[in-house]
């Protein structure tokens, strides 16, 4: 057993938990949770991306927090040079930049997604850990409008929620749910849902 590695992982986990708690105290509505996502939850979100999908295009994570999903996406095989991470908190964005130096980390709100992606290739997947149920409704609607515009046709939107029953709020009517699964090994248990933007839409709706 690698005792040193185990101790380092526990130390990093404690540091991330402490960082999350500090940000929760400062911005409770933006954070929406006491704990970073578990490896089980992060891996389930990353599993939505197929190896074939990763051959081209951009991948965007919004609401990255302390980076558990970022780490899972990289382990899954998402090329760091085509991964953009958007995190509103300056403290968390700085931590992410240090932890993932090869990833394009933007300290911006997710409602600014479109301006962040100007000049970049089409977006194949958007992975979100944003707490839409705790955000102001106007902000949630603005973010999802940006998500719908930014995502290429045939691309996927991955979102988790702690509400295990009921439909995900604010999902664009054109999106089709393709997968839903519950992750019990998380505090609290969470549901991961995957939506696809239709491959055929009106010309102004596709990239």
N, C-alpha and C. Protein backbone atom coordinates (compact mmCIF):
# COMPACT_ATOMS: atom_id res chain seq x y z
N UNK A 1 0.84 -1.20 0.00
CA UNK A 1 0.00 0.00 0.00
C UNK A 1 0.87 1.24 0.00
N UNK A 2 0.52 2.22 -0.86
CA UNK A 2 1.28 3.46 -0.94
C UNK A 2 0.79 4.42 0.14
N UNK A 3 1.44 4.33 1.34
CA UNK A 3 1.02 5.15 2.47
C UNK A 3 1.19 6.64 2.17
N UNK A 4 2.34 6.97 1.55
CA UNK A 4 2.61 8.37 1.24
C UNK A 4 1.57 8.95 0.31
N UNK A 5 1.21 8.18 -0.73
CA UNK A 5 0.20 8.64 -1.69
C UNK A 5 -1.16 8.81 -1.03
N UNK A 6 -1.49 7.86 -0.14
CA UNK A 6 -2.76 7.94 0.57
C UNK A 6 -2.84 9.20 1.43
N UNK A 7 -1.75 9.48 2.16
CA UNK A 7 -1.71 10.67 3.02
C UNK A 7 -1.82 11.95 2.20
N UNK A 8 -1.14 11.98 1.05
CA UNK A 8 -1.20 13.16 0.19
C UNK A 8 -2.61 13.37 -0.35
N UNK A 9 -3.27 12.27 -0.73
CA UNK A 9 -4.65 12.40 -1.24
C UNK A 9 -5.58 12.90 -0.15
N UNK A 10 -5.42 12.40 1.06
CA UNK A 10 -6.26 12.85 2.16
C UNK A 10 -6.00 14.32 2.46
N UNK A 11 -4.73 14.73 2.39
CA UNK A 11 -4.38 16.13 2.65
C UNK A 11 -4.99 17.03 1.60
N UNK A 12 -4.88 16.63 0.32
CA UNK A 12 -5.45 17.44 -0.75
C UNK A 12 -6.97 17.51 -0.63
N UNK A 13 -7.58 16.37 -0.25
CA UNK A 13 -9.02 16.35 -0.07
C UNK A 13 -9.46 17.29 1.04
N UNK A 14 -8.71 17.33 2.13
CA UNK A 14 -9.02 18.23 3.24
C UNK A 14 -8.88 19.68 2.81
N UNK A 15 -7.82 19.98 2.04
CA UNK A 15 -7.60 21.35 1.57
C UNK A 15 -8.74 21.80 0.65
N UNK A 16 -9.19 20.90 -0.23
CA UNK A 16 -10.29 21.24 -1.13
C UNK A 16 -11.59 21.45 -0.36
N UNK A 17 -11.81 20.63 0.66
CA UNK A 17 -13.00 20.77 1.49
C UNK A 17 -12.99 22.12 2.21
N UNK A 18 -11.84 22.49 2.75
CA UNK A 18 -11.71 23.76 3.46
C UNK A 18 -11.95 24.94 2.52
N UNK A 19 -11.40 24.84 1.32
CA UNK A 19 -11.59 25.90 0.32
C UNK A 19 -13.06 26.03 -0.04
N UNK A 20 -13.74 24.89 -0.22
CA UNK A 20 -15.15 24.90 -0.54
C UNK A 20 -15.98 25.53 0.57
N UNK A 21 -15.67 25.22 1.84
CA UNK A 21 -16.41 25.77 2.96
C UNK A 21 -16.23 27.28 3.07
N UNK A 22 -15.02 27.76 2.80
CA UNK A 22 -14.77 29.21 2.84
C UNK A 22 -15.59 29.92 1.77
N UNK A 23 -15.61 29.34 0.56
CA UNK A 23 -16.37 29.96 -0.51
C UNK A 23 -17.88 29.86 -0.25
N UNK A 24 -18.31 28.77 0.38
CA UNK A 24 -19.72 28.62 0.71
C UNK A 24 -20.16 29.71 1.68
N UNK A 25 -19.29 30.04 2.65
CA UNK A 25 -19.61 31.09 3.62
C UNK A 25 -19.72 32.45 2.94
N UNK A 26 -18.90 32.67 1.91
CA UNK A 26 -18.89 33.96 1.22
C UNK A 26 -19.97 34.07 0.14
N UNK A 27 -20.24 32.94 -0.55
CA UNK A 27 -21.19 32.96 -1.67
C UNK A 27 -22.09 31.73 -1.64
N UNK A 28 -23.01 31.63 -0.67
CA UNK A 28 -23.80 30.40 -0.51
C UNK A 28 -24.65 30.05 -1.72
N UNK A 29 -25.24 31.02 -2.41
CA UNK A 29 -26.12 30.71 -3.54
C UNK A 29 -25.31 30.22 -4.75
N UNK A 30 -24.11 30.72 -4.90
CA UNK A 30 -23.27 30.31 -6.04
C UNK A 30 -22.70 28.92 -5.83
N UNK A 31 -22.46 28.53 -4.58
CA UNK A 31 -21.83 27.24 -4.30
C UNK A 31 -22.85 26.11 -4.26
N UNK A 32 -23.88 26.25 -3.44
CA UNK A 32 -24.98 25.29 -3.43
C UNK A 32 -24.70 23.97 -2.76
N UNK A 33 -23.50 23.76 -2.19
CA UNK A 33 -23.19 22.48 -1.54
C UNK A 33 -22.08 22.66 -0.53
N UNK A 34 -22.04 21.75 0.46
CA UNK A 34 -21.00 21.79 1.48
C UNK A 34 -19.74 21.04 1.06
N UNK A 35 -19.91 20.08 0.15
CA UNK A 35 -18.80 19.17 -0.16
C UNK A 35 -18.49 19.17 -1.66
N UNK A 36 -17.21 19.02 -2.00
CA UNK A 36 -16.87 18.80 -3.41
C UNK A 36 -17.49 17.50 -3.90
N UNK A 37 -17.69 17.40 -5.21
CA UNK A 37 -18.24 16.16 -5.77
C UNK A 37 -17.30 15.00 -5.50
N UNK A 38 -17.88 13.83 -5.21
CA UNK A 38 -17.08 12.64 -4.97
C UNK A 38 -16.49 12.15 -6.28
N UNK A 39 -15.49 11.28 -6.19
CA UNK A 39 -14.91 10.68 -7.40
C UNK A 39 -15.97 9.91 -8.18
N UNK A 40 -16.88 9.25 -7.45
CA UNK A 40 -17.93 8.47 -8.12
C UNK A 40 -18.82 9.37 -8.96
N UNK A 41 -19.19 10.53 -8.42
CA UNK A 41 -20.04 11.47 -9.16
C UNK A 41 -19.28 12.09 -10.33
N UNK A 42 -18.06 12.52 -10.06
CA UNK A 42 -17.24 13.13 -11.11
C UNK A 42 -17.01 12.15 -12.26
N UNK A 43 -16.72 10.89 -11.92
CA UNK A 43 -16.48 9.89 -12.97
C UNK A 43 -17.74 9.60 -13.78
N UNK A 44 -18.88 9.58 -13.10
CA UNK A 44 -20.14 9.34 -13.81
C UNK A 44 -20.42 10.46 -14.81
N UNK A 45 -20.11 11.69 -14.45
CA UNK A 45 -20.31 12.80 -15.37
C UNK A 45 -19.36 12.70 -16.56
N UNK A 46 -18.12 12.33 -16.29
CA UNK A 46 -17.12 12.21 -17.35
C UNK A 46 -17.44 11.06 -18.29
N UNK A 47 -18.08 10.01 -17.79
CA UNK A 47 -18.41 8.85 -18.62
C UNK A 47 -19.36 9.18 -19.77
N UNK A 48 -20.04 10.32 -19.67
CA UNK A 48 -20.96 10.71 -20.73
C UNK A 48 -20.22 11.05 -22.02
N UNK A 49 -18.93 11.31 -21.92
CA UNK A 49 -18.12 11.67 -23.09
C UNK A 49 -17.47 10.42 -23.66
N UNK A 50 -17.76 10.10 -24.91
CA UNK A 50 -17.19 8.93 -25.55
C UNK A 50 -15.82 9.26 -26.15
N UNK A 51 -14.94 8.27 -26.27
CA UNK A 51 -13.64 8.50 -26.91
C UNK A 51 -13.77 9.08 -28.31
N UNK A 52 -14.79 8.65 -29.05
CA UNK A 52 -15.00 9.17 -30.41
C UNK A 52 -15.31 10.66 -30.38
N UNK A 53 -16.07 11.08 -29.38
CA UNK A 53 -16.44 12.49 -29.26
C UNK A 53 -15.23 13.38 -29.03
N UNK A 54 -14.20 12.83 -28.38
CA UNK A 54 -13.05 13.65 -27.97
C UNK A 54 -12.06 13.93 -29.08
N UNK A 55 -12.32 13.40 -30.29
CA UNK A 55 -11.35 13.56 -31.38
C UNK A 55 -11.28 14.99 -31.90
N UNK A 56 -12.33 15.77 -31.71
CA UNK A 56 -12.31 17.14 -32.21
C UNK A 56 -13.25 18.00 -31.39
N UNK A 57 -13.11 19.32 -31.55
CA UNK A 57 -14.00 20.26 -30.87
C UNK A 57 -13.55 20.63 -29.47
N UNK A 58 -14.29 21.57 -28.89
CA UNK A 58 -14.01 22.05 -27.54
C UNK A 58 -14.88 21.35 -26.51
N UNK A 59 -14.38 21.33 -25.28
CA UNK A 59 -15.12 20.79 -24.15
C UNK A 59 -15.08 21.85 -23.05
N UNK A 60 -16.23 22.14 -22.47
CA UNK A 60 -16.33 23.23 -21.52
C UNK A 60 -16.95 22.72 -20.22
N UNK A 61 -16.31 23.06 -19.12
CA UNK A 61 -16.87 22.77 -17.81
C UNK A 61 -17.26 24.09 -17.16
N UNK A 62 -18.47 24.18 -16.65
CA UNK A 62 -18.92 25.39 -15.97
C UNK A 62 -19.22 25.07 -14.50
N UNK A 63 -18.79 25.97 -13.62
CA UNK A 63 -18.98 25.74 -12.19
C UNK A 63 -18.08 24.64 -11.67
N UNK A 64 -16.77 24.78 -11.94
CA UNK A 64 -15.83 23.68 -11.64
C UNK A 64 -15.51 23.53 -10.16
N UNK A 65 -15.73 24.56 -9.36
CA UNK A 65 -15.45 24.44 -7.92
C UNK A 65 -14.00 24.17 -7.63
N UNK A 66 -13.74 23.10 -6.90
CA UNK A 66 -12.36 22.73 -6.55
C UNK A 66 -11.73 21.78 -7.56
N UNK A 67 -12.48 21.37 -8.58
CA UNK A 67 -11.88 20.61 -9.68
C UNK A 67 -12.04 19.11 -9.72
N UNK A 68 -12.93 18.47 -8.95
CA UNK A 68 -13.04 17.01 -9.06
C UNK A 68 -13.52 16.54 -10.43
N UNK A 69 -14.45 17.28 -11.05
CA UNK A 69 -14.93 16.89 -12.37
C UNK A 69 -13.87 17.20 -13.42
N UNK A 70 -13.16 18.30 -13.26
CA UNK A 70 -12.05 18.63 -14.17
C UNK A 70 -11.06 17.48 -14.22
N UNK A 71 -10.69 16.99 -13.05
CA UNK A 71 -9.75 15.88 -12.95
C UNK A 71 -10.31 14.63 -13.63
N UNK A 72 -11.60 14.37 -13.42
CA UNK A 72 -12.22 13.18 -14.04
C UNK A 72 -12.26 13.30 -15.56
N UNK A 73 -12.52 14.50 -16.06
CA UNK A 73 -12.54 14.71 -17.51
C UNK A 73 -11.18 14.44 -18.13
N UNK A 74 -10.13 14.89 -17.47
CA UNK A 74 -8.77 14.66 -17.97
C UNK A 74 -8.43 13.17 -17.91
N UNK A 75 -8.81 12.50 -16.82
CA UNK A 75 -8.58 11.06 -16.73
C UNK A 75 -9.35 10.32 -17.84
N UNK A 76 -10.51 10.84 -18.18
CA UNK A 76 -11.34 10.21 -19.21
C UNK A 76 -10.70 10.32 -20.60
N UNK A 77 -9.83 11.32 -20.76
CA UNK A 77 -9.13 11.47 -22.03
C UNK A 77 -9.40 12.78 -22.76
N UNK A 78 -10.11 13.72 -22.13
CA UNK A 78 -10.34 15.01 -22.76
C UNK A 78 -9.00 15.73 -22.89
N UNK A 79 -8.60 16.13 -24.09
CA UNK A 79 -7.32 16.83 -24.26
C UNK A 79 -7.32 18.16 -23.52
N UNK A 80 -6.32 18.40 -22.71
CA UNK A 80 -6.29 19.63 -21.91
C UNK A 80 -6.26 20.88 -22.78
N UNK A 81 -5.68 20.77 -23.98
CA UNK A 81 -5.61 21.94 -24.86
C UNK A 81 -6.96 22.30 -25.46
N UNK A 82 -7.94 21.39 -25.35
CA UNK A 82 -9.29 21.68 -25.85
C UNK A 82 -10.33 21.66 -24.74
N UNK A 83 -9.86 21.87 -23.52
CA UNK A 83 -10.75 21.94 -22.36
C UNK A 83 -10.72 23.34 -21.78
N UNK A 84 -11.88 23.97 -21.67
CA UNK A 84 -12.02 25.27 -21.03
C UNK A 84 -12.84 25.11 -19.77
N UNK A 85 -12.35 25.69 -18.69
CA UNK A 85 -13.03 25.62 -17.40
C UNK A 85 -13.44 27.03 -16.99
N UNK A 86 -14.72 27.18 -16.67
CA UNK A 86 -15.23 28.49 -16.27
C UNK A 86 -15.68 28.42 -14.82
N UNK A 87 -15.09 29.26 -14.00
CA UNK A 87 -15.39 29.30 -12.56
C UNK A 87 -15.48 30.75 -12.11
N UNK A 88 -16.60 31.11 -11.52
CA UNK A 88 -16.88 32.51 -11.17
C UNK A 88 -16.06 33.00 -9.99
N UNK A 89 -15.77 32.12 -9.04
CA UNK A 89 -15.05 32.52 -7.83
C UNK A 89 -13.57 32.76 -8.14
N UNK A 90 -13.04 33.96 -7.87
CA UNK A 90 -11.61 34.23 -8.11
C UNK A 90 -10.70 33.29 -7.32
N UNK A 91 -11.09 32.97 -6.09
CA UNK A 91 -10.28 32.08 -5.26
C UNK A 91 -10.21 30.69 -5.86
N UNK A 92 -11.36 30.15 -6.26
CA UNK A 92 -11.39 28.81 -6.84
C UNK A 92 -10.75 28.78 -8.22
N UNK A 93 -10.95 29.84 -9.00
CA UNK A 93 -10.34 29.90 -10.34
C UNK A 93 -8.81 29.91 -10.23
N UNK A 94 -8.29 30.62 -9.26
CA UNK A 94 -6.84 30.65 -9.07
C UNK A 94 -6.32 29.27 -8.66
N UNK A 95 -7.06 28.61 -7.77
CA UNK A 95 -6.68 27.27 -7.34
C UNK A 95 -6.70 26.29 -8.52
N UNK A 96 -7.72 26.40 -9.38
CA UNK A 96 -7.82 25.52 -10.55
C UNK A 96 -6.67 25.76 -11.52
N UNK A 97 -6.29 27.03 -11.71
CA UNK A 97 -5.19 27.36 -12.62
C UNK A 97 -3.88 26.74 -12.16
N UNK A 98 -3.68 26.73 -10.85
CA UNK A 98 -2.46 26.15 -10.30
C UNK A 98 -2.49 24.63 -10.38
N UNK A 99 -3.66 24.06 -10.16
CA UNK A 99 -3.78 22.60 -10.16
C UNK A 99 -3.75 22.03 -11.57
N UNK A 100 -4.31 22.77 -12.54
CA UNK A 100 -4.37 22.31 -13.93
C UNK A 100 -3.74 23.36 -14.85
N UNK A 101 -2.43 23.48 -14.83
CA UNK A 101 -1.76 24.56 -15.57
C UNK A 101 -1.93 24.49 -17.09
N UNK A 102 -2.27 23.31 -17.63
CA UNK A 102 -2.43 23.16 -19.08
C UNK A 102 -3.85 23.40 -19.55
N UNK A 103 -4.75 23.71 -18.62
CA UNK A 103 -6.16 23.93 -18.95
C UNK A 103 -6.45 25.43 -18.98
N UNK A 104 -7.29 25.84 -19.92
CA UNK A 104 -7.70 27.23 -20.04
C UNK A 104 -8.78 27.51 -19.00
N UNK A 105 -8.39 28.13 -17.88
CA UNK A 105 -9.32 28.44 -16.80
C UNK A 105 -9.72 29.91 -16.89
N UNK A 106 -11.02 30.17 -16.95
CA UNK A 106 -11.53 31.53 -17.04
C UNK A 106 -12.30 31.88 -15.77
N UNK A 107 -11.93 32.99 -15.14
CA UNK A 107 -12.67 33.47 -13.98
C UNK A 107 -13.80 34.36 -14.48
N UNK A 108 -14.89 33.71 -14.86
CA UNK A 108 -16.05 34.41 -15.43
C UNK A 108 -17.32 33.71 -14.95
N UNK A 109 -18.43 34.40 -15.08
CA UNK A 109 -19.72 33.77 -14.82
C UNK A 109 -20.13 32.95 -16.03
N UNK A 110 -20.87 31.89 -15.81
CA UNK A 110 -21.28 31.02 -16.92
C UNK A 110 -22.21 31.73 -17.89
N UNK A 111 -22.84 32.81 -17.45
CA UNK A 111 -23.69 33.58 -18.36
C UNK A 111 -22.86 34.36 -19.39
N UNK A 112 -21.53 34.33 -19.24
CA UNK A 112 -20.62 34.95 -20.21
C UNK A 112 -19.98 33.90 -21.12
N UNK A 113 -20.57 32.73 -21.17
CA UNK A 113 -20.01 31.61 -21.91
C UNK A 113 -19.71 31.96 -23.37
N UNK A 114 -20.64 32.62 -24.02
CA UNK A 114 -20.47 32.94 -25.44
C UNK A 114 -19.25 33.78 -25.72
N UNK A 115 -19.02 34.80 -24.90
CA UNK A 115 -17.85 35.66 -25.11
C UNK A 115 -16.56 34.93 -24.82
N UNK A 116 -16.58 33.96 -23.91
CA UNK A 116 -15.38 33.17 -23.61
C UNK A 116 -14.98 32.29 -24.80
N UNK A 117 -15.96 31.89 -25.59
CA UNK A 117 -15.72 30.91 -26.65
C UNK A 117 -15.51 31.54 -28.03
N UNK A 118 -15.50 32.85 -28.11
CA UNK A 118 -15.29 33.51 -29.40
C UNK A 118 -13.95 33.11 -30.00
N UNK A 119 -13.99 32.64 -31.24
CA UNK A 119 -12.76 32.24 -31.93
C UNK A 119 -12.34 30.81 -31.70
N UNK A 120 -13.09 30.06 -30.88
CA UNK A 120 -12.74 28.67 -30.59
C UNK A 120 -13.54 27.72 -31.48
N UNK A 121 -13.08 26.46 -31.62
CA UNK A 121 -13.83 25.47 -32.40
C UNK A 121 -15.19 25.19 -31.77
N UNK A 122 -16.10 24.52 -32.51
CA UNK A 122 -17.41 24.17 -31.97
C UNK A 122 -17.31 23.36 -30.68
N UNK A 123 -18.29 23.53 -29.82
CA UNK A 123 -18.29 22.87 -28.51
C UNK A 123 -19.02 21.54 -28.61
N UNK A 124 -18.33 20.46 -28.27
CA UNK A 124 -18.93 19.12 -28.34
C UNK A 124 -19.68 18.76 -27.06
N UNK A 125 -19.23 19.30 -25.93
CA UNK A 125 -19.88 18.96 -24.66
C UNK A 125 -19.70 20.08 -23.66
N UNK A 126 -20.75 20.32 -22.88
CA UNK A 126 -20.70 21.25 -21.75
C UNK A 126 -21.06 20.46 -20.51
N UNK A 127 -20.18 20.49 -19.53
CA UNK A 127 -20.37 19.72 -18.30
C UNK A 127 -20.57 20.71 -17.16
N UNK A 128 -21.68 20.59 -16.46
CA UNK A 128 -22.05 21.61 -15.48
C UNK A 128 -22.25 21.04 -14.08
N UNK A 129 -21.67 21.75 -13.12
CA UNK A 129 -21.92 21.45 -11.70
C UNK A 129 -22.60 22.64 -11.03
N UNK A 130 -23.21 23.51 -11.82
CA UNK A 130 -23.86 24.69 -11.26
C UNK A 130 -25.13 24.33 -10.50
N UNK A 131 -25.37 25.00 -9.37
CA UNK A 131 -26.57 24.72 -8.56
C UNK A 131 -27.76 25.54 -9.05
N UNK A 132 -28.35 25.13 -10.18
CA UNK A 132 -29.40 25.94 -10.80
C UNK A 132 -30.58 26.22 -9.87
N UNK A 133 -30.88 25.28 -8.98
CA UNK A 133 -32.03 25.48 -8.10
C UNK A 133 -31.79 26.55 -7.04
N UNK A 134 -30.53 26.88 -6.76
CA UNK A 134 -30.25 27.91 -5.75
C UNK A 134 -29.88 29.26 -6.38
N UNK A 135 -29.65 29.27 -7.69
CA UNK A 135 -29.33 30.52 -8.37
C UNK A 135 -30.61 31.30 -8.65
N UNK A 136 -30.52 32.64 -8.76
CA UNK A 136 -31.69 33.41 -9.19
C UNK A 136 -32.18 32.91 -10.54
N UNK A 137 -33.49 32.88 -10.71
CA UNK A 137 -34.07 32.32 -11.93
C UNK A 137 -33.55 33.03 -13.18
N UNK A 138 -33.42 34.35 -13.12
CA UNK A 138 -32.95 35.10 -14.28
C UNK A 138 -31.54 34.69 -14.68
N UNK A 139 -30.70 34.41 -13.68
CA UNK A 139 -29.32 33.98 -13.95
C UNK A 139 -29.33 32.59 -14.58
N UNK A 140 -30.13 31.69 -14.02
CA UNK A 140 -30.21 30.33 -14.57
C UNK A 140 -30.68 30.33 -16.02
N UNK A 141 -31.69 31.14 -16.32
CA UNK A 141 -32.20 31.22 -17.69
C UNK A 141 -31.15 31.80 -18.63
N UNK A 142 -30.43 32.81 -18.15
CA UNK A 142 -29.38 33.41 -18.99
C UNK A 142 -28.27 32.40 -19.28
N UNK A 143 -27.89 31.61 -18.27
CA UNK A 143 -26.84 30.60 -18.46
C UNK A 143 -27.29 29.55 -19.46
N UNK A 144 -28.51 29.05 -19.30
CA UNK A 144 -28.98 27.99 -20.20
C UNK A 144 -29.16 28.50 -21.63
N UNK A 145 -29.50 29.77 -21.78
CA UNK A 145 -29.57 30.35 -23.11
C UNK A 145 -28.19 30.35 -23.76
N UNK A 146 -27.15 30.66 -22.97
CA UNK A 146 -25.78 30.63 -23.48
C UNK A 146 -25.35 29.20 -23.81
N UNK A 147 -25.74 28.26 -22.97
CA UNK A 147 -25.42 26.85 -23.21
C UNK A 147 -26.04 26.39 -24.52
N UNK A 148 -27.31 26.72 -24.73
CA UNK A 148 -28.00 26.29 -25.95
C UNK A 148 -27.34 26.87 -27.20
N UNK A 149 -26.92 28.13 -27.12
CA UNK A 149 -26.28 28.76 -28.28
C UNK A 149 -24.88 28.21 -28.52
N UNK A 150 -24.14 27.95 -27.44
CA UNK A 150 -22.74 27.56 -27.58
C UNK A 150 -22.56 26.11 -28.04
N UNK A 151 -23.48 25.24 -27.64
CA UNK A 151 -23.33 23.82 -27.92
C UNK A 151 -23.59 23.52 -29.40
N UNK A 152 -22.71 22.76 -30.02
CA UNK A 152 -22.90 22.39 -31.42
C UNK A 152 -24.01 21.35 -31.55
N UNK A 153 -24.62 21.27 -32.72
CA UNK A 153 -25.68 20.29 -32.94
C UNK A 153 -25.11 18.87 -32.79
N UNK A 154 -25.81 18.05 -32.02
CA UNK A 154 -25.31 16.71 -31.72
C UNK A 154 -24.44 16.69 -30.49
N UNK A 155 -24.16 17.87 -29.92
CA UNK A 155 -23.36 17.95 -28.70
C UNK A 155 -24.19 17.62 -27.47
N UNK A 156 -23.52 17.40 -26.35
CA UNK A 156 -24.23 17.00 -25.14
C UNK A 156 -24.02 17.99 -24.00
N UNK A 157 -25.02 18.06 -23.15
CA UNK A 157 -24.98 18.86 -21.92
C UNK A 157 -25.14 17.91 -20.75
N UNK A 158 -24.18 17.93 -19.82
CA UNK A 158 -24.18 17.03 -18.66
C UNK A 158 -24.37 17.86 -17.40
N UNK A 159 -25.34 17.49 -16.58
CA UNK A 159 -25.66 18.25 -15.37
C UNK A 159 -25.99 17.29 -14.24
N UNK A 160 -25.56 17.62 -13.02
CA UNK A 160 -25.99 16.80 -11.89
C UNK A 160 -26.88 17.64 -10.98
N UNK A 161 -27.71 16.93 -10.22
CA UNK A 161 -28.60 17.58 -9.27
C UNK A 161 -28.76 16.70 -8.04
N UNK A 162 -29.05 17.33 -6.91
CA UNK A 162 -29.33 16.56 -5.70
C UNK A 162 -30.81 16.20 -5.60
N UNK A 163 -31.62 16.74 -6.48
CA UNK A 163 -33.04 16.40 -6.52
C UNK A 163 -33.21 15.11 -7.32
N UNK A 164 -33.39 14.00 -6.63
CA UNK A 164 -33.44 12.70 -7.30
C UNK A 164 -34.76 12.44 -8.00
N UNK A 165 -35.79 13.20 -7.65
CA UNK A 165 -37.11 13.03 -8.25
C UNK A 165 -37.48 14.31 -8.99
N UNK A 166 -38.09 14.15 -10.14
CA UNK A 166 -38.53 15.31 -10.90
C UNK A 166 -37.60 15.65 -12.04
N UNK A 167 -38.02 16.62 -12.84
CA UNK A 167 -37.26 17.00 -14.02
C UNK A 167 -36.27 18.12 -13.70
N UNK A 168 -35.19 18.14 -14.44
CA UNK A 168 -34.19 19.19 -14.30
C UNK A 168 -34.77 20.51 -14.78
N UNK A 169 -34.64 21.58 -13.98
CA UNK A 169 -35.20 22.86 -14.40
C UNK A 169 -34.34 23.56 -15.45
N UNK A 170 -34.98 24.43 -16.22
CA UNK A 170 -34.31 25.35 -17.15
C UNK A 170 -33.67 24.68 -18.38
N UNK A 171 -33.92 23.40 -18.58
CA UNK A 171 -33.36 22.73 -19.77
C UNK A 171 -34.10 23.23 -21.02
N UNK A 172 -33.39 23.63 -22.07
CA UNK A 172 -34.06 24.09 -23.29
C UNK A 172 -35.01 23.03 -23.84
N UNK A 173 -36.13 23.49 -24.35
CA UNK A 173 -37.16 22.57 -24.85
C UNK A 173 -36.65 21.71 -26.00
N UNK A 174 -35.66 22.22 -26.75
CA UNK A 174 -35.15 21.46 -27.89
C UNK A 174 -34.23 20.32 -27.48
N UNK A 175 -33.70 20.35 -26.25
CA UNK A 175 -32.75 19.32 -25.81
C UNK A 175 -33.49 18.02 -25.53
N UNK A 176 -32.85 16.90 -25.86
CA UNK A 176 -33.43 15.58 -25.62
C UNK A 176 -32.62 14.84 -24.56
N UNK A 177 -33.31 14.34 -23.52
CA UNK A 177 -32.62 13.59 -22.47
C UNK A 177 -32.21 12.23 -23.01
N UNK A 178 -30.93 11.88 -22.87
CA UNK A 178 -30.45 10.60 -23.40
C UNK A 178 -29.99 9.65 -22.30
N UNK A 179 -29.81 10.18 -21.08
CA UNK A 179 -29.33 9.30 -20.01
C UNK A 179 -29.62 9.93 -18.66
N UNK A 180 -29.93 9.10 -17.68
CA UNK A 180 -30.14 9.57 -16.31
C UNK A 180 -29.71 8.46 -15.36
N UNK A 181 -28.89 8.80 -14.37
CA UNK A 181 -28.44 7.78 -13.43
C UNK A 181 -28.20 8.41 -12.06
N UNK A 182 -28.44 7.62 -11.03
CA UNK A 182 -28.27 8.08 -9.65
C UNK A 182 -26.93 7.58 -9.11
N UNK A 183 -26.21 8.48 -8.46
CA UNK A 183 -24.93 8.14 -7.84
C UNK A 183 -25.12 8.18 -6.33
N UNK A 184 -25.12 7.01 -5.72
CA UNK A 184 -25.34 6.92 -4.28
C UNK A 184 -24.07 7.24 -3.49
N UNK A 185 -22.90 6.99 -4.12
CA UNK A 185 -21.63 7.21 -3.42
C UNK A 185 -21.21 8.67 -3.52
N UNK A 186 -22.09 9.53 -3.01
CA UNK A 186 -21.82 10.96 -2.97
C UNK A 186 -22.58 11.52 -1.77
N UNK A 187 -22.12 12.64 -1.22
CA UNK A 187 -22.78 13.25 -0.08
C UNK A 187 -23.29 14.63 -0.50
N UNK A 188 -24.63 14.77 -0.63
CA UNK A 188 -25.66 13.73 -0.63
C UNK A 188 -25.69 12.99 -1.97
N UNK A 189 -26.47 11.90 -2.07
CA UNK A 189 -26.61 11.22 -3.36
C UNK A 189 -27.07 12.21 -4.43
N UNK A 190 -26.65 11.97 -5.66
CA UNK A 190 -26.95 12.90 -6.75
C UNK A 190 -27.41 12.15 -7.99
N UNK A 191 -28.08 12.89 -8.87
CA UNK A 191 -28.53 12.34 -10.15
C UNK A 191 -27.79 13.05 -11.27
N UNK A 192 -27.24 12.27 -12.20
CA UNK A 192 -26.55 12.81 -13.37
C UNK A 192 -27.46 12.64 -14.58
N UNK A 193 -27.70 13.73 -15.29
CA UNK A 193 -28.53 13.65 -16.48
C UNK A 193 -27.76 14.19 -17.68
N UNK A 194 -27.95 13.54 -18.81
CA UNK A 194 -27.25 13.90 -20.05
C UNK A 194 -28.29 14.26 -21.10
N UNK A 195 -28.12 15.42 -21.71
CA UNK A 195 -29.04 15.91 -22.73
C UNK A 195 -28.27 16.13 -24.03
N UNK A 196 -28.95 15.93 -25.15
CA UNK A 196 -28.33 16.16 -26.45
C UNK A 196 -29.05 17.28 -27.19
N UNK A 197 -28.26 18.17 -27.78
CA UNK A 197 -28.84 19.16 -28.69
C UNK A 197 -29.08 18.46 -30.02
N UNK A 198 -30.26 18.58 -30.59
CA UNK A 198 -30.58 17.85 -31.83
C UNK A 198 -29.54 18.08 -32.92
N UNK A 199 -29.31 17.05 -33.72
CA UNK A 199 -28.34 17.16 -34.81
C UNK A 199 -28.86 18.00 -35.95
N UNK A 200 -30.17 18.11 -36.06
CA UNK A 200 -30.76 18.92 -37.12
C UNK A 200 -31.66 19.98 -36.50
N UNK A 201 -31.28 21.23 -36.73
CA UNK A 201 -32.10 22.35 -36.25
C UNK A 201 -32.14 23.42 -37.35
N UNK A 202 -32.86 24.49 -37.06
CA UNK A 202 -32.86 25.62 -38.01
C UNK A 202 -31.43 26.13 -38.14
N UNK A 203 -31.05 26.65 -39.31
CA UNK A 203 -29.65 27.08 -39.54
C UNK A 203 -29.11 27.97 -38.47
N UNK A 204 -29.92 28.93 -37.96
CA UNK A 204 -29.39 29.85 -36.95
C UNK A 204 -29.18 29.18 -35.59
N UNK A 205 -29.71 27.96 -35.42
CA UNK A 205 -29.58 27.26 -34.15
C UNK A 205 -28.42 26.29 -34.11
N UNK A 206 -27.68 26.13 -35.21
CA UNK A 206 -26.60 25.15 -35.27
C UNK A 206 -25.26 25.81 -35.52
N UNK A 207 -24.22 25.07 -35.11
CA UNK A 207 -22.86 25.49 -35.44
C UNK A 207 -22.23 24.43 -36.31
